[in-house]
Amino acid sequence: MTPSFGSQSMVAPLRRVIVKRPEEAFQNSEAIDKEWSGLNYLRPPDFHRACDEHARLIALLRTSGAEVLELPRTPARAWIRSIPTIPC
């Protein structure tokens, strides 16, 4: 039985992928301005550019035949504060 998630090959066609839209991950430019430094980013992400690039990526994935699953917004982004970070 083939698992329905995880990477079983580095060269086989991509069949299913899970993504999170920038609108769900970053929420908006104001949220980025408040949080980017504490997340050890070198500079704040460009929210509008991330949205545009994400839309193009999803279009390419779907054109290739991959099933695209989208993660929902994480309430209060509490999960990210529990991830240990290592400064570069």
Foldseek 3Di string as FASTA:
>chain_A
DDDPDDDPDPPDQAAEDEEEALCQVQVDPVSQVVPVVVLQDPDGDDSVVSNVVVVVVVVVCVVSNHHYHYDGHDPPPVVSVPDDDDHD
